[in-house]
Amino acid sequence: MEDRVRFALEKLLNVAHGDSHQGSRVANFVLAWWNAEVHGGFDLTDLANVDRDVAEDMVTVFTWMAREEDLQYPDAYKPEIAQIIRRWRPHIEID
């Protein structure tokens, strides 16, 4: 993962930890990548409901994902994803 993509993802993870509508929208984006079947998808209209900088970070990550042949979630972020799942999807067991 390129540094600019990693930086965008880390900023998104920070937003997803927040307790706001923007945080829930970012969590939806991140968790859709993690496992959309379990955590739900991402509504593309939510791009208009987050700050411009956040939307640009989403686009950066999404563009990177679209170019990857074998898309895997970076293992280094699993503990942070588990925290986001506990916050926004408390009814779902974490693997």
PDB file of N, CA and C in Angstrom:
ATOM      1  N   MET A   1       0.849  -1.182   0.000  1.00  0.00           N
ATOM      2  CA  MET A   1       0.000   0.000   0.000  1.00  0.00           C
ATOM      3  C   MET A   1       0.889   1.238   0.000  1.00  0.00           C
ATOM      4  N   GLU A   2       0.602   2.134  -0.891  1.00  0.00           N
ATOM      5  CA  GLU A   2       1.368   3.379  -0.980  1.00  0.00           C
ATOM      6  C   GLU A   2       1.152   4.232   0.272  1.00  0.00           C
ATOM      7  N   ASP A   3       2.136   5.069   0.565  1.00  0.00           N
ATOM      8  CA  ASP A   3       2.053   5.916   1.764  1.00  0.00           C
ATOM      9  C   ASP A   3       0.823   6.816   1.745  1.00  0.00           C
ATOM     10  N   ARG A   4       0.505   7.405   0.590  1.00  0.00           N
ATOM     11  CA  ARG A   4      -0.644   8.328   0.525  1.00  0.00           C
ATOM     12  C   ARG A   4      -1.948   7.600   0.801  1.00  0.00           C
ATOM     13  N   VAL A   5      -2.035   6.334   0.382  1.00  0.00           N
ATOM     14  CA  VAL A   5      -3.232   5.529   0.624  1.00  0.00           C
ATOM     15  C   VAL A   5      -3.289   5.142   2.095  1.00  0.00           C
ATOM     16  N   ARG A   6      -2.167   4.734   2.641  1.00  0.00           N
ATOM     17  CA  ARG A   6      -2.097   4.374   4.064  1.00  0.00           C
ATOM     18  C   ARG A   6      -2.484   5.584   4.925  1.00  0.00           C
ATOM     19  N   PHE A   7      -1.980   6.759   4.575  1.00  0.00           N
ATOM     20  CA  PHE A   7      -2.297   7.971   5.332  1.00  0.00           C
ATOM     21  C   PHE A   7      -3.793   8.260   5.252  1.00  0.00           C
ATOM     22  N   ALA A   8      -4.396   8.130   4.075  1.00  0.00           N
ATOM     23  CA  ALA A   8      -5.835   8.354   3.910  1.00  0.00           C
ATOM     24  C   ALA A   8      -6.626   7.351   4.738  1.00  0.00           C
ATOM     25  N   LEU A   9      -6.229   6.083   4.700  1.00  0.00           N
ATOM     26  CA  LEU A   9      -6.920   5.056   5.481  1.00  0.00           C
ATOM     27  C   LEU A   9      -6.818   5.349   6.971  1.00  0.00           C
ATOM     28  N   GLU A  10      -5.660   5.729   7.426  1.00  0.00           N
ATOM     29  CA  GLU A  10      -5.496   6.019   8.854  1.00  0.00           C
ATOM     30  C   GLU A  10      -6.340   7.209   9.285  1.00  0.00           C
ATOM     31  N   LYS A  11      -6.451   8.206   8.437  1.00  0.00           N
ATOM     32  CA  LYS A  11      -7.328   9.338   8.760  1.00  0.00           C
ATOM     33  C   LYS A  11      -8.785   8.879   8.829  1.00  0.00           C
ATOM     34  N   LEU A  12      -9.181   8.005   7.906  1.00  0.00           N
ATOM     35  CA  LEU A  12     -10.550   7.491   7.925  1.00  0.00           C
ATOM     36  C   LEU A  12     -10.816   6.668   9.183  1.00  0.00           C
ATOM     37  N   LEU A  13      -9.864   5.853   9.566  1.00  0.00           N
ATOM     38  CA  LEU A  13     -10.038   5.063  10.787  1.00  0.00           C
ATOM     39  C   LEU A  13     -10.217   5.973  11.997  1.00  0.00           C
ATOM     40  N   ASN A  14      -9.471   7.059  12.050  1.00  0.00           N
ATOM     41  CA  ASN A  14      -9.623   8.014  13.155  1.00  0.00           C
ATOM     42  C   ASN A  14     -11.025   8.613  13.175  1.00  0.00           C
ATOM     43  N   VAL A  15     -11.556   8.956  12.017  1.00  0.00           N
ATOM     44  CA  VAL A  15     -12.913   9.509  11.939  1.00  0.00           C
ATOM     45  C   VAL A  15     -13.931   8.456  12.369  1.00  0.00           C
ATOM     46  N   ALA A  16     -13.719   7.202  11.942  1.00  0.00           N
ATOM     47  CA  ALA A  16     -14.664   6.124  12.261  1.00  0.00           C
ATOM     48  C   ALA A  16     -14.753   5.853  13.762  1.00  0.00           C
ATOM     49  N   HIS A  17     -13.738   6.223  14.504  1.00  0.00           N
ATOM     50  CA  HIS A  17     -13.780   6.059  15.960  1.00  0.00           C
ATOM     51  C   HIS A  17     -14.640   7.130  16.622  1.00  0.00           C
ATOM     52  N   GLY A  18     -14.911   8.206  15.903  1.00  0.00           N
ATOM     53  CA  GLY A  18     -15.680   9.307  16.471  1.00  0.00           C
ATOM     54  C   GLY A  18     -17.156   8.996  16.580  1.00  0.00           C
ATOM     55  N   ASP A  19     -17.819   9.720  17.459  1.00  0.00           N
ATOM     56  CA  ASP A  19     -19.240   9.514  17.712  1.00  0.00           C
ATOM     57  C   ASP A  19     -20.040  10.597  16.998  1.00  0.00           C
ATOM     58  N   SER A  20     -20.158  10.466  15.692  1.00  0.00           N
ATOM     59  CA  SER A  20     -20.891  11.452  14.901  1.00  0.00           C
ATOM     60  C   SER A  20     -21.490  10.769  13.690  1.00  0.00           C
ATOM     61  N   HIS A  21     -22.353  11.499  12.982  1.00  0.00           N
ATOM     62  CA  HIS A  21     -22.909  10.949  11.740  1.00  0.00           C
ATOM     63  C   HIS A  21     -21.793  10.720  10.728  1.00  0.00           C
ATOM     64  N   GLN A  22     -20.831  11.600  10.728  1.00  0.00           N
ATOM     65  CA  GLN A  22     -19.690  11.438   9.827  1.00  0.00           C
ATOM     66  C   GLN A  22     -18.903  10.178  10.200  1.00  0.00           C
ATOM     67  N   GLY A  23     -18.717   9.941  11.497  1.00  0.00           N
ATOM     68  CA  GLY A  23     -18.025   8.740  11.952  1.00  0.00           C
ATOM     69  C   GLY A  23     -18.750   7.479  11.539  1.00  0.00           C
ATOM     70  N   SER A  24     -20.078   7.479  11.618  1.00  0.00           N
ATOM     71  CA  SER A  24     -20.834   6.284  11.234  1.00  0.00           C
ATOM     72  C   SER A  24     -20.752   6.045   9.725  1.00  0.00           C
ATOM     73  N   ARG A  25     -20.730   7.112   8.951  1.00  0.00           N
ATOM     74  CA  ARG A  25     -20.615   6.960   7.492  1.00  0.00           C
ATOM     75  C   ARG A  25     -19.243   6.425   7.101  1.00  0.00           C
ATOM     76  N   VAL A  26     -18.231   6.917   7.754  1.00  0.00           N
ATOM     77  CA  VAL A  26     -16.879   6.414   7.488  1.00  0.00           C
ATOM     78  C   VAL A  26     -16.753   4.970   7.958  1.00  0.00           C
ATOM     79  N   ALA A  27     -17.340   4.650   9.096  1.00  0.00           N
ATOM     80  CA  ALA A  27     -17.331   3.261   9.568  1.00  0.00           C
ATOM     81  C   ALA A  27     -18.015   2.360   8.543  1.00  0.00           C
ATOM     82  N   ASN A  28     -19.124   2.806   7.980  1.00  0.00           N
ATOM     83  CA  ASN A  28     -19.795   2.012   6.948  1.00  0.00           C
ATOM     84  C   ASN A  28     -18.870   1.750   5.764  1.00  0.00           C
ATOM     85  N   PHE A  29     -18.132   2.759   5.358  1.00  0.00           N
ATOM     86  CA  PHE A  29     -17.192   2.619   4.239  1.00  0.00           C
ATOM     87  C   PHE A  29     -16.102   1.607   4.571  1.00  0.00           C
ATOM     88  N   VAL A  30     -15.491   1.767   5.724  1.00  0.00           N
ATOM     89  CA  VAL A  30     -14.390   0.893   6.139  1.00  0.00           C
ATOM     90  C   VAL A  30     -14.881  -0.540   6.346  1.00  0.00           C
ATOM     91  N   LEU A  31     -16.029  -0.690   6.986  1.00  0.00           N
ATOM     92  CA  LEU A  31     -16.530  -2.027   7.274  1.00  0.00           C
ATOM     93  C   LEU A  31     -17.087  -2.724   6.036  1.00  0.00           C
ATOM     94  N   ALA A  32     -17.538  -1.961   5.052  1.00  0.00           N
ATOM     95  CA  ALA A  32     -17.951  -2.569   3.787  1.00  0.00           C
ATOM     96  C   ALA A  32     -16.755  -3.222   3.109  1.00  0.00           C
ATOM     97  N   TRP A  33     -15.590  -2.609   3.224  1.00  0.00           N
ATOM     98  CA  TRP A  33     -14.371  -3.211   2.685  1.00  0.00           C
ATOM     99  C   TRP A  33     -13.987  -4.430   3.519  1.00  0.00           C
ATOM    100  N   TRP A  34     -14.098  -4.311   4.832  1.00  0.00           N
ATOM    101  CA  TRP A  34     -13.715  -5.390   5.735  1.00  0.00           C
ATOM    102  C   TRP A  34     -14.547  -6.641   5.456  1.00  0.00           C
ATOM    103  N   ASN A  35     -15.889  -6.471   5.418  1.00  0.00           N
ATOM    104  CA  ASN A  35     -16.757  -7.608   5.148  1.00  0.00           C
ATOM    105  C   ASN A  35     -18.177  -7.081   4.929  1.00  0.00           C
ATOM    106  N   ALA A  36     -18.508  -6.748   3.693  1.00  0.00           N
ATOM    107  CA  ALA A  36     -19.809  -6.161   3.380  1.00  0.00           C
ATOM    108  C   ALA A  36     -20.962  -7.116   3.657  1.00  0.00           C
ATOM    109  N   GLU A  37     -20.729  -8.391   3.495  1.00  0.00           N
ATOM    110  CA  GLU A  37     -21.791  -9.370   3.724  1.00  0.00           C
ATOM    111  C   GLU A  37     -22.246  -9.354   5.183  1.00  0.00           C
ATOM    112  N   VAL A  38     -21.302  -9.181   6.083  1.00  0.00           N
ATOM    113  CA  VAL A  38     -21.612  -9.172   7.514  1.00  0.00           C
ATOM    114  C   VAL A  38     -21.969  -7.771   8.010  1.00  0.00           C
ATOM    115  N   HIS A  39     -21.231  -6.771   7.567  1.00  0.00           N
ATOM    116  CA  HIS A  39     -21.358  -5.421   8.132  1.00  0.00           C
ATOM    117  C   HIS A  39     -22.170  -4.458   7.292  1.00  0.00           C
ATOM    118  N   GLY A  40     -22.613  -4.880   6.130  1.00  0.00           N
ATOM    119  CA  GLY A  40     -23.406  -4.011   5.271  1.00  0.00           C
ATOM    120  C   GLY A  40     -22.547  -3.258   4.282  1.00  0.00           C
ATOM    121  N   GLY A  41     -23.200  -2.694   3.318  1.00  0.00           N
ATOM    122  CA  GLY A  41     -22.513  -1.971   2.260  1.00  0.00           C
ATOM    123  C   GLY A  41     -22.325  -0.505   2.597  1.00  0.00           C
ATOM    124  N   PHE A  42     -21.901   0.216   1.592  1.00  0.00           N
ATOM    125  CA  PHE A  42     -21.673   1.648   1.745  1.00  0.00           C
ATOM    126  C   PHE A  42     -22.525   2.380   0.723  1.00  0.00           C
ATOM    127  N   ASP A  43     -23.311   3.324   1.183  1.00  0.00           N
ATOM    128  CA  ASP A  43     -24.155   4.141   0.323  1.00  0.00           C
ATOM    129  C   ASP A  43     -23.307   5.253  -0.282  1.00  0.00           C
ATOM    130  N   LEU A  44     -23.120   5.213  -1.586  1.00  0.00           N
ATOM    131  CA  LEU A  44     -22.255   6.203  -2.243  1.00  0.00           C
ATOM    132  C   LEU A  44     -22.744   7.641  -2.048  1.00  0.00           C
ATOM    133  N   THR A  45     -24.029   7.834  -1.792  1.00  0.00           N
ATOM    134  CA  THR A  45     -24.505   9.199  -1.551  1.00  0.00           C
ATOM    135  C   THR A  45     -23.943   9.768  -0.246  1.00  0.00           C
ATOM    136  N   ASP A  46     -23.409   8.892   0.615  1.00  0.00           N
ATOM    137  CA  ASP A  46     -22.794   9.381   1.850  1.00  0.00           C
ATOM    138  C   ASP A  46     -21.536  10.198   1.579  1.00  0.00           C
ATOM    139  N   LEU A  47     -20.980  10.090   0.392  1.00  0.00           N
ATOM    140  CA  LEU A  47     -19.832  10.945   0.052  1.00  0.00           C
ATOM    141  C   LEU A  47     -20.206  12.420   0.154  1.00  0.00           C
ATOM    142  N   ALA A  48     -21.473  12.722  -0.110  1.00  0.00           N
ATOM    143  CA  ALA A  48     -21.936  14.110  -0.028  1.00  0.00           C
ATOM    144  C   ALA A  48     -22.258  14.521   1.405  1.00  0.00           C
ATOM    145  N   ASN A  49     -22.232  13.560   2.325  1.00  0.00           N
ATOM    146  CA  ASN A  49     -22.603  13.840   3.712  1.00  0.00           C
ATOM    147  C   ASN A  49     -21.435  13.802   4.679  1.00  0.00           C
ATOM    148  N   VAL A  50     -20.241  13.876   4.132  1.00  0.00           N
ATOM    149  CA  VAL A  50     -19.031  13.973   4.954  1.00  0.00           C
ATOM    150  C   VAL A  50     -18.248  15.192   4.489  1.00  0.00           C
ATOM    151  N   ASP A  51     -17.334  15.639   5.315  1.00  0.00           N
ATOM    152  CA  ASP A  51     -16.492  16.775   4.934  1.00  0.00           C
ATOM    153  C   ASP A  51     -15.716  16.444   3.666  1.00  0.00           C
ATOM    154  N   ARG A  52     -15.389  17.459   2.919  1.00  0.00           N
ATOM    155  CA  ARG A  52     -14.678  17.267   1.647  1.00  0.00           C
ATOM    156  C   ARG A  52     -13.375  16.493   1.825  1.00  0.00           C
ATOM    157  N   ASP A  53     -12.605  16.806   2.866  1.00  0.00           N
ATOM    158  CA  ASP A  53     -11.344  16.100   3.106  1.00  0.00           C
ATOM    159  C   ASP A  53     -11.582  14.606   3.354  1.00  0.00           C
ATOM    160  N   VAL A  54     -12.627  14.297   4.083  1.00  0.00           N
ATOM    161  CA  VAL A  54     -12.959  12.904   4.369  1.00  0.00           C
ATOM    162  C   VAL A  54     -13.376  12.203   3.082  1.00  0.00           C
ATOM    163  N   ALA A  55     -14.204  12.865   2.287  1.00  0.00           N
ATOM    164  CA  ALA A  55     -14.627  12.285   1.009  1.00  0.00           C
ATOM    165  C   ALA A  55     -13.416  12.028   0.108  1.00  0.00           C
ATOM    166  N   GLU A  56     -12.476  12.947   0.096  1.00  0.00           N
ATOM    167  CA  GLU A  56     -11.283  12.761  -0.724  1.00  0.00           C
ATOM    168  C   GLU A  56     -10.450  11.576  -0.231  1.00  0.00           C
ATOM    169  N   ASP A  57     -10.387  11.371   1.082  1.00  0.00           N
ATOM    170  CA  ASP A  57      -9.688  10.200   1.609  1.00  0.00           C
ATOM    171  C   ASP A  57     -10.405   8.916   1.191  1.00  0.00           C
ATOM    172  N   MET A  58     -11.724   8.929   1.211  1.00  0.00           N
ATOM    173  CA  MET A  58     -12.484   7.762   0.759  1.00  0.00           C
ATOM    174  C   MET A  58     -12.188   7.470  -0.720  1.00  0.00           C
ATOM    175  N   VAL A  59     -12.174   8.507  -1.512  1.00  0.00           N
ATOM    176  CA  VAL A  59     -11.894   8.344  -2.943  1.00  0.00           C
ATOM    177  C   VAL A  59     -10.477   7.806  -3.147  1.00  0.00           C
ATOM    178  N   THR A  60      -9.532   8.294  -2.377  1.00  0.00           N
ATOM    179  CA  THR A  60      -8.153   7.800  -2.481  1.00  0.00           C
ATOM    180  C   THR A  60      -8.098   6.305  -2.203  1.00  0.00           C
ATOM    181  N   VAL A  61      -8.737   5.886  -1.122  1.00  0.00           N
ATOM    182  CA  VAL A  61      -8.727   4.463  -0.763  1.00  0.00           C
ATOM    183  C   VAL A  61      -9.504   3.653  -1.801  1.00  0.00           C
ATOM    184  N   PHE A  62     -10.645   4.143  -2.226  1.00  0.00           N
ATOM    185  CA  PHE A  62     -11.463   3.436  -3.207  1.00  0.00           C
ATOM    186  C   PHE A  62     -10.723   3.283  -4.536  1.00  0.00           C
ATOM    187  N   THR A  63     -10.054   4.329  -4.975  1.00  0.00           N
ATOM    188  CA  THR A  63      -9.290   4.265  -6.228  1.00  0.00           C
ATOM    189  C   THR A  63      -8.172   3.243  -6.115  1.00  0.00           C
ATOM    190  N   TRP A  64      -7.489   3.231  -4.984  1.00  0.00           N
ATOM    191  CA  TRP A  64      -6.434   2.235  -4.764  1.00  0.00           C
ATOM    192  C   TRP A  64      -7.021   0.827  -4.828  1.00  0.00           C
ATOM    193  N   MET A  65      -8.177   0.626  -4.152  1.00  0.00           N
ATOM    194  CA  MET A  65      -8.809  -0.696  -4.154  1.00  0.00           C
ATOM    195  C   MET A  65      -9.164  -1.136  -5.571  1.00  0.00           C
ATOM    196  N   ALA A  66      -9.675  -0.211  -6.364  1.00  0.00           N
ATOM    197  CA  ALA A  66     -10.092  -0.540  -7.726  1.00  0.00           C
ATOM    198  C   ALA A  66      -8.923  -0.990  -8.594  1.00  0.00           C
ATOM    199  N   ARG A  67      -7.730  -0.574  -8.255  1.00  0.00           N
ATOM    200  CA  ARG A  67      -6.543  -0.901  -9.054  1.00  0.00           C
ATOM    201  C   ARG A  67      -5.820  -2.158  -8.577  1.00  0.00           C
ATOM    202  N   GLU A  68      -6.189  -2.664  -7.419  1.00  0.00           N
ATOM    203  CA  GLU A  68      -5.529  -3.841  -6.855  1.00  0.00           C
ATOM    204  C   GLU A  68      -6.084  -5.118  -7.489  1.00  0.00           C
ATOM    205  N   GLU A  69      -5.213  -6.034  -7.830  1.00  0.00           N
ATOM    206  CA  GLU A  69      -5.658  -7.317  -8.384  1.00  0.00           C
ATOM    207  C   GLU A  69      -6.161  -8.245  -7.288  1.00  0.00           C
ATOM    208  N   ASP A  70      -5.480  -8.268  -6.157  1.00  0.00           N
ATOM    209  CA  ASP A  70      -5.848  -9.136  -5.043  1.00  0.00           C
ATOM    210  C   ASP A  70      -6.062  -8.255  -3.822  1.00  0.00           C
ATOM    211  N   LEU A  71      -7.277  -7.828  -3.635  1.00  0.00           N
ATOM    212  CA  LEU A  71      -7.585  -6.870  -2.586  1.00  0.00           C
ATOM    213  C   LEU A  71      -7.697  -7.555  -1.233  1.00  0.00           C
ATOM    214  N   GLN A  72      -6.784  -7.237  -0.357  1.00  0.00           N
ATOM    215  CA  GLN A  72      -6.764  -7.757   1.004  1.00  0.00           C
ATOM    216  C   GLN A  72      -6.756  -6.581   1.970  1.00  0.00           C
ATOM    217  N   TYR A  73      -7.451  -6.742   3.087  1.00  0.00           N
ATOM    218  CA  TYR A  73      -7.402  -5.705   4.105  1.00  0.00           C
ATOM    219  C   TYR A  73      -6.075  -5.835   4.830  1.00  0.00           C
ATOM    220  N   PRO A  74      -5.350  -4.743   5.038  1.00  0.00           N
ATOM    221  CA  PRO A  74      -4.045  -4.813   5.712  1.00  0.00           C
ATOM    222  C   PRO A  74      -4.170  -5.360   7.135  1.00  0.00           C
ATOM    223  N   ASP A  75      -3.479  -6.454   7.402  1.00  0.00           N
ATOM    224  CA  ASP A  75      -3.548  -7.104   8.715  1.00  0.00           C
ATOM    225  C   ASP A  75      -3.191  -6.171   9.870  1.00  0.00           C
ATOM    226  N   ALA A  76      -2.333  -5.219   9.631  1.00  0.00           N
ATOM    227  CA  ALA A  76      -1.893  -4.320  10.696  1.00  0.00           C
ATOM    228  C   ALA A  76      -3.055  -3.535  11.314  1.00  0.00           C
ATOM    229  N   TYR A  77      -4.153  -3.413  10.592  1.00  0.00           N
ATOM    230  CA  TYR A  77      -5.282  -2.610  11.070  1.00  0.00           C
ATOM    231  C   TYR A  77      -6.396  -3.448  11.701  1.00  0.00           C
ATOM    232  N   LYS A  78      -6.221  -4.759  11.797  1.00  0.00           N
ATOM    233  CA  LYS A  78      -7.271  -5.612  12.356  1.00  0.00           C
ATOM    234  C   LYS A  78      -7.689  -5.213  13.765  1.00  0.00           C
ATOM    235  N   PRO A  79      -6.753  -4.920  14.676  1.00  0.00           N
ATOM    236  CA  PRO A  79      -7.197  -4.504  16.025  1.00  0.00           C
ATOM    237  C   PRO A  79      -8.042  -3.231  15.998  1.00  0.00           C
ATOM    238  N   GLU A  80      -7.682  -2.314  15.145  1.00  0.00           N
ATOM    239  CA  GLU A  80      -8.446  -1.066  15.046  1.00  0.00           C
ATOM    240  C   GLU A  80      -9.827  -1.312  14.450  1.00  0.00           C
ATOM    241  N   ILE A  81      -9.898  -2.202  13.470  1.00  0.00           N
ATOM    242  CA  ILE A  81     -11.181  -2.562  12.886  1.00  0.00           C
ATOM    243  C   ILE A  81     -12.068  -3.228  13.942  1.00  0.00           C
ATOM    244  N   ALA A  82     -11.483  -4.068  14.767  1.00  0.00           N
ATOM    245  CA  ALA A  82     -12.251  -4.714  15.836  1.00  0.00           C
ATOM    246  C   ALA A  82     -12.879  -3.657  16.752  1.00  0.00           C
ATOM    247  N   GLN A  83     -12.150  -2.602  17.060  1.00  0.00           N
ATOM    248  CA  GLN A  83     -12.690  -1.519  17.885  1.00  0.00           C
ATOM    249  C   GLN A  83     -13.854  -0.823  17.192  1.00  0.00           C
ATOM    250  N   ILE A  84     -13.721  -0.613  15.887  1.00  0.00           N
ATOM    251  CA  ILE A  84     -14.795   0.047  15.125  1.00  0.00           C
ATOM    252  C   ILE A  84     -16.024  -0.847  15.067  1.00  0.00           C
ATOM    253  N   ILE A  85     -15.812  -2.146  14.911  1.00  0.00           N
ATOM    254  CA  ILE A  85     -16.944  -3.083  14.914  1.00  0.00           C
ATOM    255  C   ILE A  85     -17.647  -3.030  16.265  1.00  0.00           C
ATOM    256  N   ARG A  86     -16.880  -3.063  17.360  1.00  0.00           N
ATOM    257  CA  ARG A  86     -17.489  -3.000  18.697  1.00  0.00           C
ATOM    258  C   ARG A  86     -18.291  -1.709  18.878  1.00  0.00           C
ATOM    259  N   ARG A  87     -17.795  -0.625  18.311  1.00  0.00           N
ATOM    260  CA  ARG A  87     -18.472   0.671  18.467  1.00  0.00           C
ATOM    261  C   ARG A  87     -19.744   0.756  17.625  1.00  0.00           C
ATOM    262  N   TRP A  88     -19.661   0.399  16.344  1.00  0.00           N
ATOM    263  CA  TRP A  88     -20.753   0.623  15.410  1.00  0.00           C
ATOM    264  C   TRP A  88     -21.591  -0.615  15.093  1.00  0.00           C
ATOM    265  N   ARG A  89     -21.077  -1.813  15.402  1.00  0.00           N
ATOM    266  CA  ARG A  89     -21.817  -3.054  15.146  1.00  0.00           C
ATOM    267  C   ARG A  89     -21.727  -3.954  16.380  1.00  0.00           C
ATOM    268  N   PRO A  90     -22.167  -3.459  17.540  1.00  0.00           N
ATOM    269  CA  PRO A  90     -21.985  -4.224  18.785  1.00  0.00           C
ATOM    270  C   PRO A  90     -22.704  -5.580  18.785  1.00  0.00           C
ATOM    271  N   HIS A  91     -23.682  -5.742  17.937  1.00  0.00           N
ATOM    272  CA  HIS A  91     -24.432  -6.987  17.864  1.00  0.00           C
ATOM    273  C   HIS A  91     -23.707  -8.080  17.059  1.00  0.00           C
ATOM    274  N   ILE A  92     -22.596  -7.736  16.444  1.00  0.00           N
ATOM    275  CA  ILE A  92     -21.864  -8.686  15.599  1.00  0.00           C
ATOM    276  C   ILE A  92     -20.632  -9.182  16.355  1.00  0.00           C
ATOM    277  N   GLU A  93     -20.456 -10.500  16.373  1.00  0.00           N
ATOM    278  CA  GLU A  93     -19.270 -11.093  16.995  1.00  0.00           C
ATOM    279  C   GLU A  93     -18.053 -10.825  16.134  1.00  0.00           C
ATOM    280  N   ILE A  94     -16.942 -10.611  16.775  1.00  0.00           N
ATOM    281  CA  ILE A  94     -15.683 -10.358  16.075  1.00  0.00           C
ATOM    282  C   ILE A  94     -14.928 -11.673  15.976  1.00  0.00           C
ATOM    283  N   ASP A  95     -14.448 -11.954  14.770  1.00  0.00           N
ATOM    284  CA  ASP A  95     -13.683 -13.202  14.546  1.00  0.00           C
ATOM    285  C   ASP A  95     -12.414 -13.216  15.339  1.00  0.00           C
TER     286      ASP A  95
END
